[in-house]
Amino acid sequence: MAKRVPKISADGPITIEVLEACLDRLADIMAEAPQGGEVYLPIWERLEREIEAKKASESTMARARVLAERSVDQTATAEDDAKPPKNHVPLKDRLALSPEEASALSGIGVTSIKQATYRGALVARKHGRNTVILPEDLKAFLIALPLIDKSTA
């Protein structure tokens, strides 16, 4: 199966997908290079750091959005009859979640959430470029996680 390479442009955003595609390409280059391509290790390490930084940033933003939403929900009073923004749906009422929102709601890292979708342990769907997870699929995934062995806990 051919690898899907995201569209990369000089003025486009540098996303995790773009960085991972670059890492894949670099792995191919290193495999073909003399002496295993050790000369490319600094580039490899830089790409890995950039990917981890992007993932951490996404995870932090998702947690911040959940906390901000919780804060808004808690501070709302009966006097506040102002209508919410037209497309605003509280996180608890959403029909679908992003991997970052699923991470924030479950307390499981966004990388682990994405890996679970790749393995098929967590059902996810695609809508265009967006990955969506249904709340019931997230709950089923969490319920299916192994129980703690009380004798070793």
Protein backbone atom coordinates (compact mmCIF):
# COMPACT_ATOMS: atom_id res chain seq x y z
CA MET A 1 0.00 0.00 0.00
CA ALA A 2 1.39 3.42 -0.95
CA LYS A 3 2.05 5.94 1.79
CA ARG A 4 -0.25 8.95 1.88
CA VAL A 5 1.90 12.04 1.80
CA PRO A 6 0.25 15.26 2.97
CA LYS A 7 0.44 18.29 0.71
CA ILE A 8 3.37 20.43 1.78
CA SER A 9 3.75 24.03 0.72
CA ALA A 10 6.20 26.73 1.75
CA ASP A 11 3.44 28.89 3.25
CA GLY A 12 1.27 26.04 4.57
CA PRO A 13 1.03 24.98 8.21
CA ILE A 14 3.54 22.51 9.59
CA THR A 15 1.33 19.83 11.07
CA ILE A 16 2.10 16.59 12.87
CA GLU A 17 1.13 14.74 9.68
CA VAL A 18 3.64 16.76 7.64
CA LEU A 19 6.39 16.16 10.20
CA GLU A 20 5.61 12.42 10.33
CA ALA A 21 5.70 12.26 6.51
CA CYS A 22 9.12 13.94 6.61
CA LEU A 23 10.25 11.41 9.22
CA ASP A 24 9.05 8.55 7.00
CA ARG A 25 10.94 9.99 4.02
CA LEU A 26 14.06 10.50 6.12
CA ALA A 27 13.86 6.87 7.27
CA ASP A 28 13.87 5.78 3.61
CA ILE A 29 16.85 8.03 2.88
CA MET A 30 18.75 6.73 5.92
CA ALA A 31 18.07 3.11 4.93
CA GLU A 32 19.58 3.72 1.49
CA ALA A 33 22.52 5.81 2.72
CA PRO A 34 26.01 4.40 3.31
CA GLN A 35 26.81 3.46 6.92
CA GLY A 36 23.12 3.47 7.80
CA GLY A 37 22.76 7.21 7.29
CA GLU A 38 24.21 8.22 10.66
CA VAL A 39 24.88 11.66 9.24
CA TYR A 40 21.09 12.22 9.24
CA LEU A 41 20.62 11.49 12.97
CA PRO A 42 20.54 15.19 14.03
CA ILE A 43 17.74 15.84 11.52
CA TRP A 44 15.88 12.72 12.74
CA GLU A 45 16.17 13.85 16.37
CA ARG A 46 15.00 17.37 15.51
CA LEU A 47 11.94 16.03 13.67
CA GLU A 48 11.09 13.79 16.64
CA ARG A 49 11.38 16.77 19.03
CA GLU A 50 9.15 18.88 16.78
CA ILE A 51 6.53 16.12 16.61
CA GLU A 52 6.51 15.69 20.40
CA ALA A 53 6.26 19.47 20.88
CA LYS A 54 3.28 19.67 18.49
CA LYS A 55 1.57 16.73 20.23
CA ALA A 56 2.14 18.28 23.65
CA SER A 57 0.79 21.60 22.40
CA GLU A 58 -2.35 19.95 20.98
CA SER A 59 -2.91 18.03 24.19
CA THR A 60 -2.45 21.17 26.28
CA MET A 61 -4.87 23.12 24.07
CA ALA A 62 -7.49 20.35 24.33
CA ARG A 63 -7.18 20.31 28.14
CA ALA A 64 -7.39 24.09 28.22
CA ARG A 65 -10.56 24.05 26.09
CA VAL A 66 -12.17 21.46 28.39
CA LEU A 67 -11.26 23.48 31.50
CA ALA A 68 -12.46 26.71 29.92
CA GLU A 69 -15.75 25.07 28.96
CA ARG A 70 -16.13 23.65 32.47
CA SER A 71 -15.40 27.08 33.92
CA VAL A 72 -18.01 28.70 31.67
CA ASP A 73 -20.57 26.03 32.61
CA GLN A 74 -19.90 26.50 36.34
CA THR A 75 -20.03 30.30 36.30
CA ALA A 76 -23.22 30.53 34.29
CA THR A 77 -26.09 31.77 36.41
CA ALA A 78 -29.82 32.17 35.93
CA GLU A 79 -29.21 35.86 35.24
CA ASP A 80 -27.05 34.94 32.27
CA ASP A 81 -29.70 34.48 29.63
CA ALA A 82 -27.30 35.48 26.86
CA LYS A 83 -27.46 33.04 24.00
CA PRO A 84 -24.35 30.93 23.44
CA PRO A 85 -22.58 31.31 20.10
CA LYS A 86 -24.60 29.93 17.23
CA ASN A 87 -22.56 26.73 16.73
CA HIS A 88 -21.50 26.17 20.36
CA VAL A 89 -22.29 22.70 21.68
CA PRO A 90 -21.11 21.77 25.20
CA LEU A 91 -18.50 19.02 25.16
CA LYS A 92 -20.78 16.66 27.09
CA ASP A 93 -23.46 17.01 24.38
CA ARG A 94 -21.21 16.54 21.34
CA LEU A 95 -22.02 13.76 18.91
CA ALA A 96 -18.33 13.40 17.99
CA LEU A 97 -14.98 14.23 19.59
CA SER A 98 -11.56 15.04 18.19
CA PRO A 99 -8.67 12.88 19.45
CA GLU A 100 -7.57 15.85 21.57
CA GLU A 101 -11.02 16.19 23.15
CA ALA A 102 -11.18 12.41 23.71
CA SER A 103 -7.79 12.68 25.42
CA ALA A 104 -8.91 15.54 27.63
CA LEU A 105 -12.14 13.79 28.61
CA SER A 106 -10.56 10.41 29.32
CA GLY A 107 -7.29 11.49 30.90
CA ILE A 108 -5.39 9.34 28.39
CA GLY A 109 -2.68 11.04 26.35
CA VAL A 110 -3.53 12.15 22.83
CA THR A 111 -0.72 10.00 21.44
CA SER A 112 -2.16 6.91 23.15
CA ILE A 113 -5.62 7.79 21.82
CA LYS A 114 -4.27 8.08 18.27
CA GLN A 115 -2.27 4.86 18.60
CA ALA A 116 -5.39 3.04 19.83
CA THR A 117 -7.24 4.22 16.72
CA TYR A 118 -4.39 3.02 14.47
CA ARG A 119 -4.45 -0.41 16.18
CA GLY A 120 -8.23 -0.60 15.88
CA ALA A 121 -8.71 -0.78 19.66
CA LEU A 122 -10.58 2.55 19.54
CA VAL A 123 -13.05 3.06 16.70
CA ALA A 124 -12.52 6.35 14.89
CA ARG A 125 -13.97 7.77 11.72
CA LYS A 126 -12.74 10.25 9.13
CA HIS A 127 -14.64 13.27 7.87
CA GLY A 128 -12.39 14.88 5.30
CA ARG A 129 -9.12 15.51 7.14
CA ASN A 130 -10.76 15.34 10.56
CA THR A 131 -10.63 12.27 12.77
CA VAL A 132 -13.75 11.89 14.90
CA ILE A 133 -14.48 9.56 17.79
CA LEU A 134 -18.01 8.90 18.96
CA PRO A 135 -18.46 9.24 22.74
CA GLU A 136 -19.92 5.72 22.93
CA ASP A 137 -16.84 4.33 21.15
CA LEU A 138 -14.59 6.15 23.63
CA LYS A 139 -16.60 4.68 26.53
CA ALA A 140 -16.42 1.18 25.02
CA PHE A 141 -12.65 1.55 24.63
CA LEU A 142 -12.28 2.64 28.26
CA ILE A 143 -14.47 -0.19 29.52
CA ALA A 144 -12.41 -2.70 27.52
CA LEU A 145 -9.15 -1.61 29.14
CA PRO A 146 -7.71 -4.31 31.43
CA LEU A 147 -8.64 -4.23 35.08
CA ILE A 148 -5.96 -3.70 37.71
CA ASP A 149 -4.74 -6.95 39.23
CA LYS A 150 -5.38 -6.36 42.96
CA SER A 151 -2.67 -8.82 43.97
CA THR A 152 0.03 -6.70 42.30
CA ALA A 153 -1.48 -3.23 42.84
